[in-house]
C-alpha atoms as a PDB file:
ATOM      1  CA  SER A   1     140.220 220.705 134.043  1.00  0.00           C
ATOM      2  CA  ALA A   2     138.228 218.268 136.326  1.00  0.00           C
ATOM      3  CA  ARG A   3     141.006 215.925 136.831  1.00  0.00           C
ATOM      4  CA  VAL A   4     143.462 218.798 137.985  1.00  0.00           C
ATOM      5  CA  ASP A   5     144.075 218.504 141.573  1.00  0.00           C
ATOM      6  CA  ARG A   6     144.690 221.823 142.412  1.00  0.00           C
ATOM      7  CA  PHE A   7     144.943 225.038 140.486  1.00  0.00           C
ATOM      8  CA  ILE A   8     147.285 228.041 141.435  1.00  0.00           C
ATOM      9  CA  ALA A   9     146.806 231.415 139.577  1.00  0.00           C
ATOM     10  CA  ASN A  10     149.337 234.200 139.338  1.00  0.00           C
ATOM     11  CA  SER A  11     146.594 236.949 140.136  1.00  0.00           C
ATOM     12  CA  GLU A  12     143.365 237.722 141.539  1.00  0.00           C
ATOM     13  CA  PHE A  13     142.115 238.544 138.090  1.00  0.00           C
ATOM     14  CA  VAL A  14     143.145 234.820 136.769  1.00  0.00           C
ATOM     15  CA  ARG A  15     141.727 233.297 139.790  1.00  0.00           C
ATOM     16  CA  GLN A  16     138.293 234.600 139.027  1.00  0.00           C
ATOM     17  CA  ARG A  17     138.660 233.678 135.382  1.00  0.00           C
ATOM     18  CA  ILE A  18     139.511 229.922 136.446  1.00  0.00           C
ATOM     19  CA  TYR A  19     136.363 229.926 138.792  1.00  0.00           C
ATOM     20  CA  ARG A  20     134.100 231.727 136.108  1.00  0.00           C
ATOM     21  CA  TYR A  21     134.916 229.049 133.180  1.00  0.00           C
ATOM     22  CA  TYR A  22     135.948 225.778 135.346  1.00  0.00           C
ATOM     23  CA  ARG A  23     133.983 226.190 138.653  1.00  0.00           C
ATOM     24  CA  ARG A  24     136.991 225.634 140.426  1.00  0.00           C
ATOM     25  CA  GLU A  25     138.640 227.732 143.206  1.00  0.00           C
ATOM     26  CA  ALA A  26     142.634 228.317 143.047  1.00  0.00           C
ATOM     27  CA  ASP A  27     145.365 229.476 144.988  1.00  0.00           C
ATOM     28  CA  VAL A  28     147.072 232.796 144.294  1.00  0.00           C
ATOM     29  CA  ILE A  29     150.706 232.923 144.066  1.00  0.00           C
ATOM     30  CA  PRO A  30     152.124 235.771 141.919  1.00  0.00           C
ATOM     31  CA  PRO A  31     154.938 235.005 139.889  1.00  0.00           C
ATOM     32  CA  PRO A  32     158.650 236.030 141.009  1.00  0.00           C
ATOM     33  CA  ILE A  33     160.732 238.984 140.137  1.00  0.00           C
ATOM     34  CA  ASP A  34     164.291 239.756 140.945  1.00  0.00           C
ATOM     35  CA  THR A  35     163.920 242.294 143.561  1.00  0.00           C
ATOM     36  CA  THR A  36     167.611 242.596 143.961  1.00  0.00           C
ATOM     37  CA  PHE A  37     168.622 243.113 140.555  1.00  0.00           C
ATOM     38  CA  PHE A  38     165.618 245.384 139.799  1.00  0.00           C
ATOM     39  CA  SER A  39     166.085 248.152 142.737  1.00  0.00           C
ATOM     40  CA  PRO A  40     166.287 251.860 143.192  1.00  0.00           C
ATOM     41  CA  ALA A  41     169.436 253.758 141.962  1.00  0.00           C
ATOM     42  CA  PRO A  42     170.606 257.514 142.656  1.00  0.00           C
ATOM     43  CA  ALA A  43     170.043 257.850 138.802  1.00  0.00           C
ATOM     44  CA  GLU A  44     168.587 261.229 137.637  1.00  0.00           C
ATOM     45  CA  ARG A  45     165.011 261.282 136.615  1.00  0.00           C
ATOM     46  CA  CYS A  46     164.635 262.056 132.742  1.00  0.00           C
ATOM     47  CA  ASP A  47     161.526 263.587 131.190  1.00  0.00           C
ATOM     48  CA  PHE A  48     160.234 260.529 129.699  1.00  0.00           C
ATOM     49  CA  TYR A  49     157.408 258.167 129.970  1.00  0.00           C
ATOM     50  CA  LEU A  50     158.284 254.226 129.520  1.00  0.00           C
ATOM     51  CA  CYS A  51     156.092 251.530 128.106  1.00  0.00           C
ATOM     52  CA  VAL A  52     157.506 247.814 128.280  1.00  0.00           C
ATOM     53  CA  SER A  53     155.480 245.365 126.414  1.00  0.00           C
ATOM     54  CA  ALA A  54     155.362 243.010 123.603  1.00  0.00           C
ATOM     55  CA  LEU A  55     153.829 245.149 120.633  1.00  0.00           C
ATOM     56  CA  VAL A  56     150.590 242.909 119.739  1.00  0.00           C
ATOM     57  CA  PRO A  57     146.892 244.424 119.754  1.00  0.00           C
ATOM     58  CA  TYR A  58     145.455 243.169 122.966  1.00  0.00           C
ATOM     59  CA  LYS A  59     148.131 245.478 124.642  1.00  0.00           C
ATOM     60  CA  ASN A  60     146.619 248.370 123.571  1.00  0.00           C
ATOM     61  CA  ILE A  61     150.001 249.988 122.783  1.00  0.00           C
ATOM     62  CA  GLU A  62     148.335 251.788 119.859  1.00  0.00           C
ATOM     63  CA  PHE A  63     146.223 254.011 122.322  1.00  0.00           C
ATOM     64  CA  LEU A  64     149.271 255.111 124.122  1.00  0.00           C
ATOM     65  CA  VAL A  65     151.144 256.057 120.944  1.00  0.00           C
ATOM     66  CA  ASP A  66     148.078 258.150 119.679  1.00  0.00           C
ATOM     67  CA  ALA A  67     147.667 259.641 123.369  1.00  0.00           C
ATOM     68  CA  PHE A  68     151.498 260.408 123.708  1.00  0.00           C
ATOM     69  CA  THR A  69     151.569 261.822 120.271  1.00  0.00           C
ATOM     70  CA  ALA A  70     148.917 264.412 120.835  1.00  0.00           C
ATOM     71  CA  SER A  71     150.407 265.388 124.435  1.00  0.00           C
ATOM     72  CA  LYS A  72     153.865 265.953 122.781  1.00  0.00           C
ATOM     73  CA  ARG A  73     155.103 264.257 126.181  1.00  0.00           C
ATOM     74  CA  ARG A  74     157.957 262.084 125.491  1.00  0.00           C
ATOM     75  CA  LEU A  75     157.453 258.093 125.609  1.00  0.00           C
ATOM     76  CA  VAL A  76     159.794 255.401 124.908  1.00  0.00           C
ATOM     77  CA  ILE A  77     158.540 251.720 123.872  1.00  0.00           C
ATOM     78  CA  VAL A  78     160.600 248.999 124.780  1.00  0.00           C
ATOM     79  CA  GLY A  79     159.670 245.680 123.016  1.00  0.00           C
ATOM     80  CA  GLY A  80     159.074 244.185 119.729  1.00  0.00           C
ATOM     81  CA  GLY A  81     156.018 242.399 117.837  1.00  0.00           C
ATOM     82  CA  PRO A  82     153.920 242.062 114.698  1.00  0.00           C
ATOM     83  CA  LEU A  83     152.771 245.905 115.153  1.00  0.00           C
ATOM     84  CA  LEU A  84     156.078 247.870 115.281  1.00  0.00           C
ATOM     85  CA  GLY A  85     156.106 248.914 112.112  1.00  0.00           C
ATOM     86  CA  ARG A  86     152.677 250.259 112.115  1.00  0.00           C
ATOM     87  CA  LEU A  87     153.162 251.887 115.180  1.00  0.00           C
ATOM     88  CA  ARG A  88     156.160 253.562 113.960  1.00  0.00           C
ATOM     89  CA  ARG A  89     154.374 254.978 111.010  1.00  0.00           C
ATOM     90  CA  ARG A  90     151.727 256.101 113.376  1.00  0.00           C
ATOM     91  CA  ALA A  91     153.785 257.620 116.035  1.00  0.00           C
ATOM     92  CA  GLY A  92     154.994 261.320 116.566  1.00  0.00           C
ATOM     93  CA  ALA A  93     158.469 262.263 116.797  1.00  0.00           C
ATOM     94  CA  ASN A  94     158.123 262.125 120.430  1.00  0.00           C
ATOM     95  CA  VAL A  95     157.489 258.446 120.807  1.00  0.00           C
ATOM     96  CA  GLU A  96     160.659 256.470 120.569  1.00  0.00           C
ATOM     97  CA  PHE A  97     160.832 252.691 119.979  1.00  0.00           C
ATOM     98  CA  ARG A  98     163.644 250.362 121.183  1.00  0.00           C
ATOM     99  CA  PRO A  99     162.920 246.845 120.397  1.00  0.00           C
ATOM    100  CA  PHE A 100     165.735 244.809 121.899  1.00  0.00           C
ATOM    101  CA  GLN A 101     167.332 245.935 124.998  1.00  0.00           C
ATOM    102  CA  SER A 102     169.333 243.947 127.727  1.00  0.00           C
ATOM    103  CA  ALA A 103     168.169 243.411 131.213  1.00  0.00           C
ATOM    104  CA  GLU A 104     170.869 246.052 132.351  1.00  0.00           C
ATOM    105  CA  THR A 105     169.611 248.850 129.942  1.00  0.00           C
ATOM    106  CA  LEU A 106     165.975 247.826 130.722  1.00  0.00           C
ATOM    107  CA  ARG A 107     166.909 248.550 134.679  1.00  0.00           C
ATOM    108  CA  SER A 108     168.456 251.898 133.785  1.00  0.00           C
ATOM    109  CA  LEU A 109     165.382 252.705 131.658  1.00  0.00           C
ATOM    110  CA  TYR A 110     163.212 251.933 134.833  1.00  0.00           C
ATOM    111  CA  ARG A 111     165.190 254.115 136.922  1.00  0.00           C
ATOM    112  CA  GLN A 112     165.236 257.224 134.571  1.00  0.00           C
ATOM    113  CA  ALA A 113     161.559 257.263 133.656  1.00  0.00           C
ATOM    114  CA  ARG A 114     158.824 259.431 135.262  1.00  0.00           C
ATOM    115  CA  ALA A 115     156.587 256.414 135.251  1.00  0.00           C
ATOM    116  CA  LEU A 116     155.756 253.112 133.681  1.00  0.00           C
ATOM    117  CA  VAL A 117     152.624 253.772 131.588  1.00  0.00           C
ATOM    118  CA  PHE A 118     150.280 251.016 130.431  1.00  0.00           C
ATOM    119  CA  ALA A 119     146.293 250.960 128.954  1.00  0.00           C
ATOM    120  CA  GLY A 120     145.834 247.202 128.412  1.00  0.00           C
ATOM    121  CA  VAL A 121     144.761 244.347 130.571  1.00  0.00           C
ATOM    122  CA  GLU A 122     147.362 241.948 131.974  1.00  0.00           C
ATOM    123  CA  ASP A 123     146.833 238.529 133.786  1.00  0.00           C
ATOM    124  CA  PHE A 124     149.499 239.911 136.115  1.00  0.00           C
ATOM    125  CA  GLY A 125     152.206 242.255 134.682  1.00  0.00           C
ATOM    126  CA  MET A 126     155.711 241.743 135.206  1.00  0.00           C
ATOM    127  CA  ALA A 127     156.719 245.324 134.098  1.00  0.00           C
ATOM    128  CA  PHE A 128     154.446 246.622 136.705  1.00  0.00           C
ATOM    129  CA  ALA A 129     156.390 245.033 139.591  1.00  0.00           C
ATOM    130  CA  GLU A 130     159.843 245.385 137.928  1.00  0.00           C
ATOM    131  CA  ALA A 131     159.423 248.916 137.556  1.00  0.00           C
ATOM    132  CA  LEU A 132     158.199 249.584 141.126  1.00  0.00           C
ATOM    133  CA  SER A 133     161.138 247.730 142.358  1.00  0.00           C
ATOM    134  CA  CYS A 134     163.057 250.468 140.429  1.00  0.00           C
ATOM    135  CA  GLY A 135     161.516 253.027 142.344  1.00  0.00           C
ATOM    136  CA  THR A 136     159.480 254.021 139.483  1.00  0.00           C
ATOM    137  CA  PRO A 137     155.684 254.558 139.932  1.00  0.00           C
ATOM    138  CA  VAL A 138     153.111 253.010 137.474  1.00  0.00           C
ATOM    139  CA  VAL A 139     150.347 254.650 135.487  1.00  0.00           C
ATOM    140  CA  ALA A 140     147.947 251.934 134.206  1.00  0.00           C
ATOM    141  CA  LEU A 141     144.417 251.188 133.338  1.00  0.00           C
ATOM    142  CA  GLY A 142     142.940 249.748 136.640  1.00  0.00           C
ATOM    143  CA  GLN A 143     141.920 246.332 135.046  1.00  0.00           C
ATOM    144  CA  GLY A 144     143.374 242.773 135.372  1.00  0.00           C
ATOM    145  CA  GLY A 145     146.313 241.989 137.341  1.00  0.00           C
ATOM    146  CA  VAL A 146     147.898 245.279 138.168  1.00  0.00           C
ATOM    147  CA  ARG A 147     145.326 245.607 140.626  1.00  0.00           C
ATOM    148  CA  ASP A 148     147.261 243.024 142.579  1.00  0.00           C
ATOM    149  CA  ILE A 149     150.448 245.021 141.989  1.00  0.00           C
ATOM    150  CA  VAL A 150     149.414 248.983 142.186  1.00  0.00           C
ATOM    151  CA  ARG A 151     147.445 250.727 144.970  1.00  0.00           C
ATOM    152  CA  HIS A 152     146.341 253.685 143.791  1.00  0.00           C
ATOM    153  CA  GLY A 153     147.825 256.866 145.311  1.00  0.00           C
ATOM    154  CA  GLU A 154     150.119 255.079 147.169  1.00  0.00           C
ATOM    155  CA  ASN A 155     152.594 253.097 144.492  1.00  0.00           C
ATOM    156  CA  GLY A 156     151.121 254.552 141.288  1.00  0.00           C
ATOM    157  CA  LEU A 157     147.540 255.612 139.628  1.00  0.00           C
ATOM    158  CA  LEU A 158     145.242 253.491 138.122  1.00  0.00           C
ATOM    159  CA  PHE A 159     142.627 255.097 135.591  1.00  0.00           C
ATOM    160  CA  ALA A 160     139.151 253.811 134.896  1.00  0.00           C
ATOM    161  CA  GLU A 161     138.934 253.509 131.263  1.00  0.00           C
ATOM    162  CA  PRO A 162     141.188 253.756 128.042  1.00  0.00           C
ATOM    163  CA  THR A 163     140.377 257.369 127.057  1.00  0.00           C
ATOM    164  CA  PRO A 164     142.758 260.278 126.363  1.00  0.00           C
ATOM    165  CA  ALA A 165     141.100 262.223 129.004  1.00  0.00           C
ATOM    166  CA  ALA A 166     141.409 259.307 131.591  1.00  0.00           C
ATOM    167  CA  LEU A 167     144.872 259.003 130.662  1.00  0.00           C
ATOM    168  CA  GLU A 168     145.831 262.657 130.669  1.00  0.00           C
ATOM    169  CA  SER A 169     143.991 263.130 134.040  1.00  0.00           C
ATOM    170  CA  ALA A 170     146.110 260.361 135.898  1.00  0.00           C
ATOM    171  CA  ILE A 171     149.471 261.724 134.295  1.00  0.00           C
ATOM    172  CA  VAL A 172     148.625 265.191 135.227  1.00  0.00           C
ATOM    173  CA  GLN A 173     147.945 264.016 139.008  1.00  0.00           C
ATOM    174  CA  LEU A 174     151.199 261.793 138.835  1.00  0.00           C
ATOM    175  CA  GLU A 175     153.174 265.212 137.920  1.00  0.00           C
ATOM    176  CA  ALA A 176     151.730 266.627 140.972  1.00  0.00           C
ATOM    177  CA  THR A 177     152.938 263.654 143.068  1.00  0.00           C
ATOM    178  CA  THR A 178     155.908 262.772 145.048  1.00  0.00           C
ATOM    179  CA  PHE A 179     156.574 259.171 145.372  1.00  0.00           C
ATOM    180  CA  GLY A 180     159.822 257.735 147.302  1.00  0.00           C
ATOM    181  CA  ALA A 181     161.914 255.452 145.456  1.00  0.00           C
ATOM    182  CA  GLU A 182     162.309 253.033 148.534  1.00  0.00           C
ATOM    183  CA  ALA A 183     158.809 252.972 149.441  1.00  0.00           C
ATOM    184  CA  LEU A 184     158.302 251.779 145.811  1.00  0.00           C
ATOM    185  CA  HIS A 185     160.491 249.118 146.099  1.00  0.00           C
ATOM    186  CA  ASP A 186     159.361 247.824 149.383  1.00  0.00           C
ATOM    187  CA  SER A 187     155.817 248.036 148.108  1.00  0.00           C
ATOM    188  CA  VAL A 188     156.795 244.744 145.715  1.00  0.00           C
ATOM    189  CA  THR A 189     159.371 242.871 147.994  1.00  0.00           C
ATOM    190  CA  ARG A 190     156.381 240.335 148.428  1.00  0.00           C
ATOM    191  CA  PHE A 191     157.000 239.443 144.741  1.00  0.00           C
ATOM    192  CA  SER A 192     160.610 238.256 145.221  1.00  0.00           C
ATOM    193  CA  ARG A 193     162.244 235.009 144.233  1.00  0.00           C
ATOM    194  CA  GLU A 194     162.457 233.935 147.744  1.00  0.00           C
ATOM    195  CA  SER A 195     158.755 234.359 148.776  1.00  0.00           C
ATOM    196  CA  PHE A 196     157.700 232.756 145.423  1.00  0.00           C
ATOM    197  CA  ALA A 197     159.747 229.707 146.341  1.00  0.00           C
ATOM    198  CA  ARG A 198     158.642 229.587 149.977  1.00  0.00           C
ATOM    199  CA  ARG A 199     154.714 229.999 148.861  1.00  0.00           C
ATOM    200  CA  PHE A 200     154.854 227.543 145.751  1.00  0.00           C
ATOM    201  CA  GLY A 201     157.038 224.974 147.658  1.00  0.00           C
ATOM    202  CA  ALA A 202     154.312 224.903 150.635  1.00  0.00           C
ATOM    203  CA  VAL A 203     151.423 224.561 148.041  1.00  0.00           C
ATOM    204  CA  ILE A 204     153.364 221.588 146.374  1.00  0.00           C
ATOM    205  CA  GLN A 205     154.412 219.785 149.375  1.00  0.00           C
ATOM    206  CA  GLU A 206     150.709 220.473 150.785  1.00  0.00           C
ATOM    207  CA  THR A 207     149.263 218.990 147.751  1.00  0.00           C
ATOM    208  CA  ILE A 208     151.451 215.923 147.338  1.00  0.00           C
ATOM    209  CA  SER A 209     151.449 215.023 151.264  1.00  0.00           C
END
């Protein structure tokens, strides 16, 4: 790490981690999403919540499965991984698993869901930005990279701790709130491919010159 000329972090959360372990400063440049492909559409909202994630322990999908099974709200989980079988056995009939989906199908799910939900801690969280780009709000644990993407009360809701009560409170609040699809999309245009290329290119040019 001492031989690195310049660090670039994908979120403020990672920038702080780089400083904590390496005692080095870093530029923050979020990764790009396709804000043209992931865009709002006049599709009718359906009565389900969406989670897009690899099914591995640190993502805390088990917590969501238990919480939604208890609440009886419909949850669609997109993603595969070693916990798939275990989670299926644990889930109620209102929790649906779709391990492998095309980009087009995923976009349709983003556009139709009431909200994207997540209870893990991500370095950044591409799915948060993709959902918002499709005009869908986010309900997530307020830790990690999500804090660079979701502004509480503006384009989603952040809950403070991974407990059923905290998640339930956030979902109840979401269901009483109206979010404009275009405003949600506009909140993440700063993560466009063009913005990434411009910012990353500027840092590289500045460093090598």
